[in-house]
Protein backbone atom coordinates (compact mmCIF):
# COMPACT_ATOMS: atom_id res chain seq x y z
CA MET A 1 -6.24 81.19 -56.80
CA LYS A 2 -9.24 81.80 -54.83
CA THR A 3 -7.61 81.98 -50.73
CA ILE A 4 -9.43 80.17 -47.41
CA SER A 5 -10.09 82.44 -44.49
CA ILE A 6 -9.46 80.87 -41.11
CA ASN A 7 -12.82 82.25 -40.11
CA LYS A 8 -14.44 79.92 -42.72
CA ILE A 9 -12.78 77.01 -41.96
CA LYS A 10 -13.81 77.46 -38.26
CA GLU A 11 -17.26 78.22 -39.09
CA GLN A 12 -17.24 74.90 -41.08
CA ALA A 13 -15.32 73.18 -38.71
CA ILE A 14 -17.89 74.14 -35.52
CA HIS A 15 -20.85 73.45 -37.89
CA LEU A 16 -19.51 69.72 -39.10
CA ASN A 17 -19.31 68.93 -35.61
CA ASP A 18 -22.30 70.06 -34.21
CA LYS A 19 -23.46 67.66 -37.47
CA ALA A 20 -21.66 65.14 -36.31
CA LEU A 21 -22.87 65.06 -32.28
CA LYS A 22 -26.46 65.28 -33.54
CA THR A 23 -26.70 62.57 -35.37
CA THR A 24 -24.39 60.66 -32.62
CA GLU A 25 -27.39 62.09 -29.76
CA LYS A 26 -29.84 60.57 -31.65
CA THR A 27 -28.34 57.75 -32.69
CA VAL A 28 -27.28 57.07 -29.32
CA LEU A 29 -31.37 57.97 -28.10
CA ASN A 30 -33.05 55.81 -30.45
CA SER A 31 -30.61 52.54 -29.95
CA PHE A 32 -31.92 53.32 -26.51
CA GLU A 33 -35.32 53.24 -26.83
CA LYS A 34 -34.95 50.17 -28.96
CA ILE A 35 -32.87 48.29 -25.94
CA GLU A 36 -35.99 49.13 -23.88
CA LYS A 37 -38.07 47.60 -26.13
CA ALA A 38 -36.60 44.51 -26.76
CA GLN A 39 -36.21 44.67 -22.88
CA ASN A 40 -39.47 45.29 -22.45
CA LYS A 41 -40.44 41.88 -24.77
CA THR A 42 -38.31 40.05 -23.37
CA ASP A 43 -39.68 40.42 -19.93
CA GLU A 44 -42.83 39.80 -21.32
CA PHE A 45 -41.48 36.66 -22.48
CA ILE A 46 -40.28 35.39 -19.39
CA LYS A 47 -43.14 36.05 -17.20
CA LYS A 48 -45.40 34.45 -19.67
CA GLY A 49 -42.96 31.35 -19.43
CA PHE A 50 -43.18 31.55 -15.77
CA LYS A 51 -46.26 31.30 -15.75
CA PHE A 52 -46.95 28.10 -18.40
CA SER A 53 -44.15 26.37 -16.29
CA GLU A 54 -46.17 27.01 -13.02
CA LYS A 55 -49.55 25.60 -14.56
CA GLN A 56 -47.91 22.75 -16.40
CA GLN A 57 -45.81 22.57 -12.47
CA ASP A 58 -49.35 22.18 -11.24
CA LYS A 59 -50.95 19.91 -13.75
CA LEU A 60 -48.04 17.68 -12.88
CA PHE A 61 -48.19 17.82 -8.93
CA ASN A 62 -52.16 17.10 -8.61
CA ASN A 63 -51.18 13.67 -11.39
CA LEU A 64 -48.42 12.93 -8.98
CA GLU A 65 -50.88 12.82 -5.99
CA ASN A 66 -54.06 11.64 -7.59
CA GLY A 67 -51.10 8.51 -8.76
CA LYS A 68 -50.64 8.84 -5.39
CA GLU A 69 -54.37 8.31 -3.62
CA MET A 70 -54.89 5.61 -6.20
CA ILE A 71 -52.03 3.83 -5.65
CA TRP A 72 -52.81 4.39 -1.90
CA LYS A 73 -56.43 2.93 -2.29
CA ASN A 74 -55.39 -0.19 -4.23
CA LEU A 75 -52.86 -1.23 -2.34
CA ASN A 76 -55.46 -0.89 0.93
CA LYS A 77 -57.86 -2.66 -0.47
CA ALA A 78 -55.49 -5.33 -0.88
CA LEU A 79 -54.18 -5.60 2.33
CA ASP A 80 -57.74 -6.14 3.21
CA PHE A 81 -58.16 -8.60 1.04
CA PHE A 82 -55.14 -10.28 2.33
CA SER A 83 -55.68 -9.85 6.02
CA ARG A 84 -59.41 -11.34 5.40
CA ASN A 85 -57.84 -14.69 3.60
């Protein structure tokens, strides 16, 4: 029967522990990199969304302003017409 020495067990335990630590570190660092990339993409999409919303809001307010001008113009014409008669 073969006996296992304590030193051999210690060496194997240290080796397995080092391997586990390296694997864990690699996994955590890869996770951080992927999270950072995802955050950058999200930031990019949010900025594009804000720019689009800004353009749509400008269009809306321009249309409202044009409509208001048209209403006042027609109202003034009508008031002029009724004030003459």
